[in-house]
């Protein structure tokens, strides 16, 4: 008895399996063709953001500030004037004792001269700046007045104690003007405009 070799393939079950497979392939192919192709977005590209870094601007123009040399000179004179005020207190004590000693008074006067030499140098530097020139002239004149009185007192014989006492008292009275000068120095450091004494008088009111 002969068997057909194609009989297993041509069986109904095999044919049904083949048809099912072909049907599945057709369905998948139709889905692929029907699926929409994703298109790349053509929207406008975002604008580049500006940098947040900004260049700081100076709050005060350089022309309105005093130079470092002027500022240093003003600060130096505040220190020197404080020393002169202390020397004035020491001088007041030296002339107020029951038995004043001319040598003690002379030593204080020489100490004042030493401080005023540095003060005069600092005051002269203010003359180079128009905004502090008036103050510089006032300080130079003030130190010169004290120096002249010191020279007169120190030129007296050390044995004439009364002359040293009188001279010391005159120096004390002159040094009492330090307070007003210190206010002008501080005002210059704080940026207040310097006003010459001649222009600081009260003006007559306008009608």
Foldseek 3Di string as FASTA:
>chain_A
DDDDPCVVCPDPVNVVVVVVVVVVVVVVVVVVVPDDDDDDDPDDDDDDDDDPDDDDDDPDDPVLDDDPLLLVLLVLLLVLLVVVVVLLVVLVVQLPDPDHQLVSLLVSLVVNLVSLVSNLVSLVVLCVDVQCNLLSVVSNVLSVVLNVLSVVLVVDDSVPSVSSSVSSVVSSVSSVVSVVSNVQSVCVSVSHGRDHPVPPDDDDDDD
